[in-house]
Structures are given as C-alpha cells and as structure tokens.
Protein backbone atom coordinates (compact mmCIF):
# COMPACT_ATOMS: atom_id res chain seq x y z
CA MET A 1 16.89 10.20 7.24
CA TYR A 2 16.05 6.57 7.98
CA HIS A 3 12.32 7.24 7.85
CA MET A 4 12.48 7.79 4.08
CA LYS A 5 11.42 5.08 1.66
CA LYS A 6 13.88 3.89 -0.97
CA ALA A 7 13.21 2.97 -4.58
CA SER A 8 15.62 1.99 -7.30
CA VAL A 9 15.71 3.40 -10.82
CA ARG A 10 14.19 0.11 -11.94
CA ASP A 11 11.30 0.59 -9.50
CA LEU A 12 10.64 3.99 -11.05
CA ARG A 13 10.38 2.38 -14.43
CA TYR A 14 8.31 -0.71 -13.64
CA ALA A 15 6.43 0.13 -10.43
CA PHE A 16 5.78 3.85 -10.66
CA LYS A 17 2.16 3.48 -9.46
CA LYS A 18 3.39 2.35 -6.02
CA ILE A 19 5.85 5.22 -5.80
CA GLU A 20 3.21 7.69 -6.91
CA ARG A 21 0.84 6.38 -4.21
CA LEU A 22 3.54 6.91 -1.56
CA LEU A 23 4.10 10.46 -2.79
CA HIS A 24 0.37 11.18 -2.54
CA GLN A 25 0.51 9.94 1.06
CA GLY A 26 3.23 12.49 1.79
CA GLU A 27 6.22 10.13 1.86
CA GLU A 28 9.65 11.31 0.79
CA ILE A 29 11.42 8.76 -1.42
CA GLN A 30 15.13 8.26 -2.04
CA ILE A 31 16.03 7.09 -5.55
CA THR A 32 18.95 4.67 -5.69
CA LYS A 33 21.17 3.37 -8.46
CA ARG A 34 23.53 0.52 -7.63
CA ARG A 35 22.62 0.96 -3.95
CA ARG A 36 23.75 4.61 -3.88
CA VAL A 37 21.28 7.43 -3.39
CA ILE A 38 21.22 9.65 -6.47
CA ALA A 39 18.05 11.70 -5.91
CA ARG A 40 15.11 12.43 -3.62
CA LEU A 41 11.47 12.69 -4.60
CA VAL A 42 9.61 15.10 -2.37
CA PRO A 43 5.81 15.35 -2.49
CA ASP A 44 4.25 18.60 -3.55
CA GLY A 45 3.32 20.53 -0.40
CA THR A 46 0.13 22.06 -1.83
CA GLU A 47 -2.02 18.95 -1.27
CA ALA A 48 -2.82 17.67 2.17
CA ALA A 49 -1.85 14.06 2.73
CA LYS A 50 -4.82 11.76 2.31
CA GLU A 51 -5.50 9.27 5.02
CA ILE A 52 -6.04 5.65 4.09
CA PRO A 53 -9.23 4.25 5.65
CA ASP A 54 -8.74 1.70 8.39
CA PHE A 55 -10.66 -1.23 6.93
CA LEU A 56 -9.69 -3.61 9.71
CA ALA A 57 -11.14 -1.29 12.35
CA ARG A 58 -14.29 -0.99 10.27
CA LEU A 59 -14.63 -4.78 10.15
CA HIS A 60 -14.13 -5.00 13.91
CA SER A 61 -16.80 -2.36 14.49
CA ILE A 62 -19.28 -4.28 12.31
CA TYR A 63 -18.56 -7.88 13.34
CA GLY A 64 -16.63 -7.52 16.60
CA ASN A 65 -14.65 -10.64 17.44
CA LYS A 66 -17.33 -12.95 16.07
CA LEU A 67 -16.06 -15.74 13.81
CA LEU A 68 -18.22 -16.52 10.82
CA ALA A 69 -19.37 -20.11 10.27
CA VAL A 70 -18.04 -20.23 6.71
CA SER A 71 -14.82 -18.54 5.61
CA GLY A 72 -14.41 -16.68 2.35
CA ALA A 73 -12.01 -19.35 1.07
CA GLU A 74 -14.61 -22.06 1.70
CA LEU A 75 -17.25 -20.05 -0.16
CA ILE A 76 -14.98 -19.65 -3.18
CA SER A 77 -14.00 -23.33 -3.10
CA SER A 78 -17.61 -24.49 -3.00
CA ASP A 79 -18.53 -22.08 -5.79
CA ARG A 80 -15.71 -23.35 -8.02
CA SER A 81 -16.61 -26.99 -7.48
CA ARG A 82 -20.18 -26.25 -8.51
CA PHE A 83 -19.29 -26.16 -12.22
C-alpha cells in the first residue's frame, strides 16, 4: 500500500496533467481530503504502461564522461549579453 502515490483533491483540480501522466505510466493514486484517503484512481488495464526514455543514459552513450569546454548556462549567458 505504501508504493501508491498520493494526491489531494486540490491536486486533482489544479495539477491534473501530472496525475494523468502517472496514470498513463501505470501508477495507482490515492486521493486524499484533509489527509484522509477518500478514493483510489486505478489506471485502465487495457493499455500497456509506456516506458519513459532514459535520456541520461542516452547522453552518456553519446558523450561518455567527457566534459564540454562550455556549459549550457555559459552559452545562454553569453547570448543574452550580446543584445
């Protein structure tokens, strides 16, 4: 039971996209109101859970452990100071 995610009624109202994404990943979500569980959202079993790509592993396979000479933050900073 502790493996389930929790979301409040307020989260359902204002952050439903996040909850929907968890449901698409196959997560079961407990809905709480005043810290008490009032419902459970269970994903539909007809769809197979989609796997999120491992972007960090992809970066490591491309670049290895090599450090780049210029970081992304430095590139953005130099671009902003150009104008």
